[in-house]
Amino acid sequence: MTLATARHILVDTEEQCNELKEQIAKGADFADLAKQHSNCPSGRSGGDLGQFGPGMMVPEFDKVVFSAEVGSVEGPVKTQFGYHLLEVTSRS
């Protein structure tokens, strides 16, 4: 089974998600932004979601995590929780 590790930032609006993505593109630290802005408890640990396999996250999440290039920041990804910026940190 393929396993991945990822981190994310969860916010309420697509607009905020895009603003944060732009800040990261300009060199802002993903973990720092997660701590400041994420609505998910994982924000406290820089958005780290740990390791998981297919089917353990919502489908919209899975689709990105198991197809995106490792290290790229993807999003906004809309789920029932809000809008996510996702970074796949490893996949094996």
PDB file of N, CA and C in Angstrom:
ATOM      1  N   MET A   1       0.843  -1.198   0.000  1.00  0.00           N
ATOM      2  CA  MET A   1       0.000   0.000   0.000  1.00  0.00           C
ATOM      3  C   MET A   1       0.883   1.255   0.000  1.00  0.00           C
ATOM      4  N   THR A   2       0.483   2.228  -0.763  1.00  0.00           N
ATOM      5  CA  THR A   2       1.171   3.510  -0.783  1.00  0.00           C
ATOM      6  C   THR A   2       0.829   4.286   0.484  1.00  0.00           C
ATOM      7  N   LEU A   3       1.838   4.848   1.118  1.00  0.00           N
ATOM      8  CA  LEU A   3       1.627   5.708   2.276  1.00  0.00           C
ATOM      9  C   LEU A   3       2.170   7.095   1.961  1.00  0.00           C
ATOM     10  N   ALA A   4       1.531   8.097   2.528  1.00  0.00           N
ATOM     11  CA  ALA A   4       1.973   9.467   2.316  1.00  0.00           C
ATOM     12  C   ALA A   4       2.046  10.195   3.641  1.00  0.00           C
ATOM     13  N   THR A   5       2.860  11.238   3.683  1.00  0.00           N
ATOM     14  CA  THR A   5       2.801  12.200   4.772  1.00  0.00           C
ATOM     15  C   THR A   5       2.534  13.542   4.115  1.00  0.00           C
ATOM     16  N   ALA A   6       1.748  14.341   4.800  1.00  0.00           N
ATOM     17  CA  ALA A   6       1.389  15.640   4.235  1.00  0.00           C
ATOM     18  C   ALA A   6       1.125  16.623   5.360  1.00  0.00           C
ATOM     19  N   ARG A   7       1.104  17.882   4.980  1.00  0.00           N
ATOM     20  CA  ARG A   7       0.669  18.915   5.918  1.00  0.00           C
ATOM     21  C   ARG A   7      -0.306  19.808   5.177  1.00  0.00           C
ATOM     22  N   HIS A   8      -1.147  20.488   5.954  1.00  0.00           N
ATOM     23  CA  HIS A   8      -2.167  21.320   5.318  1.00  0.00           C
ATOM     24  C   HIS A   8      -2.471  22.537   6.171  1.00  0.00           C
ATOM     25  N   ILE A   9      -3.109  23.491   5.506  1.00  0.00           N
ATOM     26  CA  ILE A   9      -3.632  24.681   6.176  1.00  0.00           C
ATOM     27  C   ILE A   9      -5.106  24.734   5.806  1.00  0.00           C
ATOM     28  N   LEU A  10      -5.967  24.771   6.800  1.00  0.00           N
ATOM     29  CA  LEU A  10      -7.414  24.796   6.585  1.00  0.00           C
ATOM     30  C   LEU A  10      -7.957  26.180   6.922  1.00  0.00           C
ATOM     31  N   VAL A  11      -8.636  26.788   5.947  1.00  0.00           N
ATOM     32  CA  VAL A  11      -9.238  28.111   6.155  1.00  0.00           C
ATOM     33  C   VAL A  11     -10.681  28.103   5.644  1.00  0.00           C
ATOM     34  N   ASP A  12     -11.405  29.192   5.917  1.00  0.00           N
ATOM     35  CA  ASP A  12     -12.831  29.256   5.576  1.00  0.00           C
ATOM     36  C   ASP A  12     -13.114  29.646   4.133  1.00  0.00           C
ATOM     37  N   THR A  13     -12.207  30.419   3.506  1.00  0.00           N
ATOM     38  CA  THR A  13     -12.523  30.934   2.180  1.00  0.00           C
ATOM     39  C   THR A  13     -11.450  30.587   1.157  1.00  0.00           C
ATOM     40  N   GLU A  14     -11.880  30.477  -0.082  1.00  0.00           N
ATOM     41  CA  GLU A  14     -10.968  30.220  -1.192  1.00  0.00           C
ATOM     42  C   GLU A  14      -9.989  31.387  -1.336  1.00  0.00           C
ATOM     43  N   GLU A  15     -10.500  32.587  -1.095  1.00  0.00           N
ATOM     44  CA  GLU A  15      -9.684  33.798  -1.194  1.00  0.00           C
ATOM     45  C   GLU A  15      -8.511  33.750  -0.210  1.00  0.00           C
ATOM     46  N   GLN A  16      -8.801  33.404   1.041  1.00  0.00           N
ATOM     47  CA  GLN A  16      -7.736  33.329   2.046  1.00  0.00           C
ATOM     48  C   GLN A  16      -6.730  32.234   1.671  1.00  0.00           C
ATOM     49  N   CYS A  17      -7.240  31.137   1.155  1.00  0.00           N
ATOM     50  CA  CYS A  17      -6.392  30.026   0.737  1.00  0.00           C
ATOM     51  C   CYS A  17      -5.412  30.489  -0.350  1.00  0.00           C
ATOM     52  N   ASN A  18      -5.931  31.217  -1.329  1.00  0.00           N
ATOM     53  CA  ASN A  18      -5.084  31.728  -2.412  1.00  0.00           C
ATOM     54  C   ASN A  18      -4.055  32.733  -1.901  1.00  0.00           C
ATOM     55  N   GLU A  19      -4.449  33.571  -0.952  1.00  0.00           N
ATOM     56  CA  GLU A  19      -3.519  34.553  -0.372  1.00  0.00           C
ATOM     57  C   GLU A  19      -2.360  33.851   0.331  1.00  0.00           C
ATOM     58  N   LEU A  20      -2.671  32.802   1.087  1.00  0.00           N
ATOM     59  CA  LEU A  20      -1.629  32.059   1.793  1.00  0.00           C
ATOM     60  C   LEU A  20      -0.723  31.330   0.808  1.00  0.00           C
ATOM     61  N   LYS A  21      -1.316  30.790  -0.252  1.00  0.00           N
ATOM     62  CA  LYS A  21      -0.520  30.099  -1.275  1.00  0.00           C
ATOM     63  C   LYS A  21       0.474  31.070  -1.913  1.00  0.00           C
ATOM     64  N   GLU A  22       0.021  32.283  -2.148  1.00  0.00           N
ATOM     65  CA  GLU A  22       0.879  33.321  -2.724  1.00  0.00           C
ATOM     66  C   GLU A  22       2.034  33.663  -1.770  1.00  0.00           C
ATOM     67  N   GLN A  23       1.723  33.766  -0.482  1.00  0.00           N
ATOM     68  CA  GLN A  23       2.763  34.058   0.514  1.00  0.00           C
ATOM     69  C   GLN A  23       3.823  32.957   0.536  1.00  0.00           C
ATOM     70  N   ILE A  24       3.374  31.696   0.434  1.00  0.00           N
ATOM     71  CA  ILE A  24       4.309  30.563   0.418  1.00  0.00           C
ATOM     72  C   ILE A  24       5.174  30.627  -0.843  1.00  0.00           C
ATOM     73  N   ALA A  25       4.555  30.951  -1.971  1.00  0.00           N
ATOM     74  CA  ALA A  25       5.296  31.072  -3.234  1.00  0.00           C
ATOM     75  C   ALA A  25       6.376  32.155  -3.143  1.00  0.00           C
ATOM     76  N   LYS A  26       6.115  33.165  -2.321  1.00  0.00           N
ATOM     77  CA  LYS A  26       7.077  34.266  -2.140  1.00  0.00           C
ATOM     78  C   LYS A  26       8.089  33.970  -1.034  1.00  0.00           C
ATOM     79  N   GLY A  27       8.026  32.772  -0.466  1.00  0.00           N
ATOM     80  CA  GLY A  27       9.037  32.382   0.507  1.00  0.00           C
ATOM     81  C   GLY A  27       8.590  32.251   1.950  1.00  0.00           C
ATOM     82  N   ALA A  28       7.313  32.508   2.236  1.00  0.00           N
ATOM     83  CA  ALA A  28       6.820  32.349   3.615  1.00  0.00           C
ATOM     84  C   ALA A  28       6.891  30.872   4.007  1.00  0.00           C
ATOM     85  N   ASP A  29       7.089  30.617   5.290  1.00  0.00           N
ATOM     86  CA  ASP A  29       7.195  29.247   5.779  1.00  0.00           C
ATOM     87  C   ASP A  29       5.812  28.617   5.967  1.00  0.00           C
ATOM     88  N   PHE A  30       5.609  27.458   5.343  1.00  0.00           N
ATOM     89  CA  PHE A  30       4.322  26.752   5.396  1.00  0.00           C
ATOM     90  C   PHE A  30       3.899  26.511   6.847  1.00  0.00           C
ATOM     91  N   ALA A  31       4.810  25.990   7.657  1.00  0.00           N
ATOM     92  CA  ALA A  31       4.476  25.646   9.048  1.00  0.00           C
ATOM     93  C   ALA A  31       4.084  26.884   9.855  1.00  0.00           C
ATOM     94  N   ASP A  32       4.799  27.986   9.637  1.00  0.00           N
ATOM     95  CA  ASP A  32       4.462  29.224  10.355  1.00  0.00           C
ATOM     96  C   ASP A  32       3.062  29.700   9.987  1.00  0.00           C
ATOM     97  N   LEU A  33       2.740  29.654   8.700  1.00  0.00           N
ATOM     98  CA  LEU A  33       1.405  30.083   8.255  1.00  0.00           C
ATOM     99  C   LEU A  33       0.327  29.150   8.801  1.00  0.00           C
ATOM    100  N   ALA A  34       0.619  27.862   8.863  1.00  0.00           N
ATOM    101  CA  ALA A  34      -0.344  26.897   9.426  1.00  0.00           C
ATOM    102  C   ALA A  34      -0.625  27.232  10.892  1.00  0.00           C
ATOM    103  N   LYS A  35       0.437  27.534  11.641  1.00  0.00           N
ATOM    104  CA  LYS A  35       0.268  27.869  13.062  1.00  0.00           C
ATOM    105  C   LYS A  35      -0.581  29.125  13.234  1.00  0.00           C
ATOM    106  N   GLN A  36      -0.399  30.089  12.349  1.00  0.00           N
ATOM    107  CA  GLN A  36      -1.118  31.361  12.459  1.00  0.00           C
ATOM    108  C   GLN A  36      -2.557  31.303  11.953  1.00  0.00           C
ATOM    109  N   HIS A  37      -2.806  30.524  10.892  1.00  0.00           N
ATOM    110  CA  HIS A  37      -4.084  30.644  10.181  1.00  0.00           C
ATOM    111  C   HIS A  37      -4.977  29.397  10.145  1.00  0.00           C
ATOM    112  N   SER A  38      -4.401  28.217  10.354  1.00  0.00           N
ATOM    113  CA  SER A  38      -5.188  26.999  10.124  1.00  0.00           C
ATOM    114  C   SER A  38      -6.288  26.817  11.168  1.00  0.00           C
ATOM    115  N   ASN A  39      -7.482  26.422  10.706  1.00  0.00           N
ATOM    116  CA  ASN A  39      -8.611  26.113  11.593  1.00  0.00           C
ATOM    117  C   ASN A  39      -8.546  24.684  12.125  1.00  0.00           C
ATOM    118  N   CYS A  40      -7.578  23.912  11.657  1.00  0.00           N
ATOM    119  CA  CYS A  40      -7.456  22.514  12.067  1.00  0.00           C
ATOM    120  C   CYS A  40      -6.515  22.415  13.271  1.00  0.00           C
ATOM    121  N   PRO A  41      -6.808  21.511  14.221  1.00  0.00           N
ATOM    122  CA  PRO A  41      -5.897  21.323  15.358  1.00  0.00           C
ATOM    123  C   PRO A  41      -4.457  21.034  14.921  1.00  0.00           C
ATOM    124  N   SER A  42      -4.277  20.450  13.720  1.00  0.00           N
ATOM    125  CA  SER A  42      -2.930  20.156  13.216  1.00  0.00           C
ATOM    126  C   SER A  42      -2.122  21.426  12.992  1.00  0.00           C
ATOM    127  N   GLY A  43      -2.792  22.570  12.928  1.00  0.00           N
ATOM    128  CA  GLY A  43      -2.095  23.841  12.754  1.00  0.00           C
ATOM    129  C   GLY A  43      -1.047  24.070  13.825  1.00  0.00           C
ATOM    130  N   ARG A  44      -1.336  23.599  15.037  1.00  0.00           N
ATOM    131  CA  ARG A  44      -0.390  23.769  16.149  1.00  0.00           C
ATOM    132  C   ARG A  44       0.949  23.099  15.860  1.00  0.00           C
ATOM    133  N   SER A  45       0.925  22.022  15.075  1.00  0.00           N
ATOM    134  CA  SER A  45       2.175  21.336  14.717  1.00  0.00           C
ATOM    135  C   SER A  45       2.574  21.656  13.275  1.00  0.00           C
ATOM    136  N   GLY A  46       2.255  22.861  12.834  1.00  0.00           N
ATOM    137  CA  GLY A  46       2.653  23.298  11.502  1.00  0.00           C
ATOM    138  C   GLY A  46       1.854  22.665  10.378  1.00  0.00           C
ATOM    139  N   GLY A  47       0.679  22.133  10.737  1.00  0.00           N
ATOM    140  CA  GLY A  47      -0.192  21.529   9.715  1.00  0.00           C
ATOM    141  C   GLY A  47       0.100  20.070   9.437  1.00  0.00           C
ATOM    142  N   ASP A  48       1.021  19.484  10.191  1.00  0.00           N
ATOM    143  CA  ASP A  48       1.450  18.102   9.941  1.00  0.00           C
ATOM    144  C   ASP A  48       0.318  17.116  10.217  1.00  0.00           C
ATOM    145  N   LEU A  49       0.018  16.291   9.233  1.00  0.00           N
ATOM    146  CA  LEU A  49      -1.049  15.288   9.368  1.00  0.00           C
ATOM    147  C   LEU A  49      -0.495  13.890   9.636  1.00  0.00           C
ATOM    148  N   GLY A  50       0.832  13.763   9.679  1.00  0.00           N
ATOM    149  CA  GLY A  50       1.427  12.448   9.901  1.00  0.00           C
ATOM    150  C   GLY A  50       1.317  11.575   8.655  1.00  0.00           C
ATOM    151  N   GLN A  51       1.421  10.264   8.877  1.00  0.00           N
ATOM    152  CA  GLN A  51       1.399   9.311   7.764  1.00  0.00           C
ATOM    153  C   GLN A  51       0.022   8.660   7.646  1.00  0.00           C
ATOM    154  N   PHE A  52      -0.417   8.467   6.407  1.00  0.00           N
ATOM    155  CA  PHE A  52      -1.720   7.834   6.191  1.00  0.00           C
ATOM    156  C   PHE A  52      -1.750   7.168   4.826  1.00  0.00           C
ATOM    157  N   GLY A  53      -2.712   6.279   4.656  1.00  0.00           N
ATOM    158  CA  GLY A  53      -2.875   5.563   3.388  1.00  0.00           C
ATOM    159  C   GLY A  53      -4.131   6.016   2.675  1.00  0.00           C
ATOM    160  N   PRO A  54      -4.319   5.538   1.429  1.00  0.00           N
ATOM    161  CA  PRO A  54      -5.522   5.886   0.669  1.00  0.00           C
ATOM    162  C   PRO A  54      -6.791   5.517   1.437  1.00  0.00           C
ATOM    163  N   GLY A  55      -7.782   6.397   1.389  1.00  0.00           N
ATOM    164  CA  GLY A  55      -9.060   6.128   2.042  1.00  0.00           C
ATOM    165  C   GLY A  55      -9.140   6.600   3.489  1.00  0.00           C
ATOM    166  N   MET A  56      -8.022   7.055   4.043  1.00  0.00           N
ATOM    167  CA  MET A  56      -8.036   7.506   5.437  1.00  0.00           C
ATOM    168  C   MET A  56      -8.446   8.974   5.564  1.00  0.00           C
ATOM    169  N   MET A  57      -8.385   9.702   4.468  1.00  0.00           N
ATOM    170  CA  MET A  57      -8.794  11.107   4.432  1.00  0.00           C
ATOM    171  C   MET A  57      -9.992  11.243   3.502  1.00  0.00           C
ATOM    172  N   VAL A  58     -10.617  12.422   3.479  1.00  0.00           N
ATOM    173  CA  VAL A  58     -11.752  12.624   2.579  1.00  0.00           C
ATOM    174  C   VAL A  58     -11.278  12.475   1.130  1.00  0.00           C
ATOM    175  N   PRO A  59     -12.171  12.037   0.212  1.00  0.00           N
ATOM    176  CA  PRO A  59     -11.780  11.751  -1.173  1.00  0.00           C
ATOM    177  C   PRO A  59     -11.066  12.902  -1.892  1.00  0.00           C
ATOM    178  N   GLU A  60     -11.527  14.132  -1.673  1.00  0.00           N
ATOM    179  CA  GLU A  60     -10.907  15.285  -2.354  1.00  0.00           C
ATOM    180  C   GLU A  60      -9.435  15.413  -1.949  1.00  0.00           C
ATOM    181  N   PHE A  61      -9.172  15.083  -0.714  1.00  0.00           N
ATOM    182  CA  PHE A  61      -7.835  15.149  -0.140  1.00  0.00           C
ATOM    183  C   PHE A  61      -6.964  14.048  -0.727  1.00  0.00           C
ATOM    184  N   ASP A  62      -7.492  12.836  -0.675  1.00  0.00           N
ATOM    185  CA  ASP A  62      -6.797  11.658  -1.205  1.00  0.00           C
ATOM    186  C   ASP A  62      -6.341  11.869  -2.637  1.00  0.00           C
ATOM    187  N   LYS A  63      -7.254  12.386  -3.436  1.00  0.00           N
ATOM    188  CA  LYS A  63      -6.989  12.566  -4.861  1.00  0.00           C
ATOM    189  C   LYS A  63      -5.724  13.400  -5.071  1.00  0.00           C
ATOM    190  N   VAL A  64      -5.589  14.472  -4.310  1.00  0.00           N
ATOM    191  CA  VAL A  64      -4.433  15.364  -4.430  1.00  0.00           C
ATOM    192  C   VAL A  64      -3.188  14.733  -3.813  1.00  0.00           C
ATOM    193  N   VAL A  65      -3.335  14.195  -2.605  1.00  0.00           N
ATOM    194  CA  VAL A  65      -2.178  13.676  -1.874  1.00  0.00           C
ATOM    195  C   VAL A  65      -1.501  12.520  -2.614  1.00  0.00           C
ATOM    196  N   PHE A  66      -2.287  11.699  -3.300  1.00  0.00           N
ATOM    197  CA  PHE A  66      -1.695  10.538  -3.965  1.00  0.00           C
ATOM    198  C   PHE A  66      -1.431  10.769  -5.454  1.00  0.00           C
ATOM    199  N   SER A  67      -1.554  12.037  -5.909  1.00  0.00           N
ATOM    200  CA  SER A  67      -1.207  12.325  -7.303  1.00  0.00           C
ATOM    201  C   SER A  67      -0.256  13.501  -7.462  1.00  0.00           C
ATOM    202  N   ALA A  68      -0.265  14.434  -6.496  1.00  0.00           N
ATOM    203  CA  ALA A  68       0.567  15.638  -6.617  1.00  0.00           C
ATOM    204  C   ALA A  68       2.045  15.301  -6.442  1.00  0.00           C
ATOM    205  N   GLU A  69       2.872  16.153  -7.008  1.00  0.00           N
ATOM    206  CA  GLU A  69       4.310  16.003  -6.860  1.00  0.00           C
ATOM    207  C   GLU A  69       4.696  16.263  -5.399  1.00  0.00           C
ATOM    208  N   VAL A  70       5.586  15.440  -4.864  1.00  0.00           N
ATOM    209  CA  VAL A  70       6.052  15.620  -3.486  1.00  0.00           C
ATOM    210  C   VAL A  70       6.755  16.979  -3.381  1.00  0.00           C
ATOM    211  N   GLY A  71       6.370  17.746  -2.365  1.00  0.00           N
ATOM    212  CA  GLY A  71       6.983  19.052  -2.142  1.00  0.00           C
ATOM    213  C   GLY A  71       6.234  20.213  -2.761  1.00  0.00           C
ATOM    214  N   SER A  72       5.273  19.915  -3.653  1.00  0.00           N
ATOM    215  CA  SER A  72       4.511  21.019  -4.253  1.00  0.00           C
ATOM    216  C   SER A  72       3.365  21.411  -3.331  1.00  0.00           C
ATOM    217  N   VAL A  73       2.993  22.674  -3.377  1.00  0.00           N
ATOM    218  CA  VAL A  73       1.870  23.156  -2.568  1.00  0.00           C
ATOM    219  C   VAL A  73       0.647  23.215  -3.476  1.00  0.00           C
ATOM    220  N   GLU A  74      -0.376  22.446  -3.141  1.00  0.00           N
ATOM    221  CA  GLU A  74      -1.576  22.310  -3.969  1.00  0.00           C
ATOM    222  C   GLU A  74      -2.771  22.957  -3.279  1.00  0.00           C
ATOM    223  N   GLY A  75      -3.672  23.479  -4.072  1.00  0.00           N
ATOM    224  CA  GLY A  75      -4.886  24.030  -3.512  1.00  0.00           C
ATOM    225  C   GLY A  75      -5.260  25.316  -4.215  1.00  0.00           C
ATOM    226  N   PRO A  76      -6.369  25.897  -3.848  1.00  0.00           N
ATOM    227  CA  PRO A  76      -7.299  25.452  -2.802  1.00  0.00           C
ATOM    228  C   PRO A  76      -8.007  24.138  -3.157  1.00  0.00           C
ATOM    229  N   VAL A  77      -8.095  23.262  -2.170  1.00  0.00           N
ATOM    230  CA  VAL A  77      -8.846  22.014  -2.293  1.00  0.00           C
ATOM    231  C   VAL A  77     -10.050  22.153  -1.365  1.00  0.00           C
ATOM    232  N   LYS A  78     -11.245  22.109  -1.948  1.00  0.00           N
ATOM    233  CA  LYS A  78     -12.469  22.302  -1.163  1.00  0.00           C
ATOM    234  C   LYS A  78     -12.968  20.963  -0.634  1.00  0.00           C
ATOM    235  N   THR A  79     -13.241  20.916   0.674  1.00  0.00           N
ATOM    236  CA  THR A  79     -13.878  19.749   1.294  1.00  0.00           C
ATOM    237  C   THR A  79     -15.023  20.260   2.165  1.00  0.00           C
ATOM    238  N   GLN A  80     -15.702  19.342   2.858  1.00  0.00           N
ATOM    239  CA  GLN A  80     -16.789  19.781   3.744  1.00  0.00           C
ATOM    240  C   GLN A  80     -16.259  20.600   4.917  1.00  0.00           C
ATOM    241  N   PHE A  81     -14.948  20.586   5.145  1.00  0.00           N
ATOM    242  CA  PHE A  81     -14.355  21.316   6.268  1.00  0.00           C
ATOM    243  C   PHE A  81     -13.976  22.747   5.911  1.00  0.00           C
ATOM    244  N   GLY A  82     -13.821  23.020   4.622  1.00  0.00           N
ATOM    245  CA  GLY A  82     -13.392  24.343   4.173  1.00  0.00           C
ATOM    246  C   GLY A  82     -12.428  24.216   3.017  1.00  0.00           C
ATOM    247  N   TYR A  83     -11.476  25.126   2.957  1.00  0.00           N
ATOM    248  CA  TYR A  83     -10.498  25.144   1.870  1.00  0.00           C
ATOM    249  C   TYR A  83      -9.116  24.830   2.417  1.00  0.00           C
ATOM    250  N   HIS A  84      -8.439  23.915   1.732  1.00  0.00           N
ATOM    251  CA  HIS A  84      -7.135  23.460   2.194  1.00  0.00           C
ATOM    252  C   HIS A  84      -6.034  23.841   1.218  1.00  0.00           C
ATOM    253  N   LEU A  85      -4.879  24.170   1.772  1.00  0.00           N
ATOM    254  CA  LEU A  85      -3.634  24.147   1.020  1.00  0.00           C
ATOM    255  C   LEU A  85      -2.949  22.870   1.472  1.00  0.00           C
ATOM    256  N   LEU A  86      -2.469  22.091   0.528  1.00  0.00           N
ATOM    257  CA  LEU A  86      -1.861  20.803   0.841  1.00  0.00           C
ATOM    258  C   LEU A  86      -0.437  20.759   0.352  1.00  0.00           C
ATOM    259  N   GLU A  87       0.431  20.215   1.171  1.00  0.00           N
ATOM    260  CA  GLU A  87       1.784  19.914   0.709  1.00  0.00           C
ATOM    261  C   GLU A  87       2.085  18.469   1.041  1.00  0.00           C
ATOM    262  N   VAL A  88       2.367  17.675   0.021  1.00  0.00           N
ATOM    263  CA  VAL A  88       2.753  16.285   0.219  1.00  0.00           C
ATOM    264  C   VAL A  88       4.233  16.303   0.607  1.00  0.00           C
ATOM    265  N   THR A  89       4.552  15.804   1.798  1.00  0.00           N
ATOM    266  CA  THR A  89       5.937  15.858   2.253  1.00  0.00           C
ATOM    267  C   THR A  89       6.699  14.568   1.936  1.00  0.00           C
ATOM    268  N   SER A  90       5.991  13.444   1.783  1.00  0.00           N
ATOM    269  CA  SER A  90       6.629  12.217   1.316  1.00  0.00           C
ATOM    270  C   SER A  90       5.569  11.220   0.854  1.00  0.00           C
ATOM    271  N   ARG A  91       6.008  10.267   0.037  1.00  0.00           N
ATOM    272  CA  ARG A  91       5.103   9.204  -0.410  1.00  0.00           C
ATOM    273  C   ARG A  91       5.954   7.975  -0.664  1.00  0.00           C
ATOM    274  N   SER A  92       5.492   6.839  -0.187  1.00  0.00           N
ATOM    275  CA  SER A  92       6.275   5.608  -0.408  1.00  0.00           C
ATOM    276  C   SER A  92       5.371   4.434  -0.748  1.00  0.00           C
TER     277      SER A  92
END
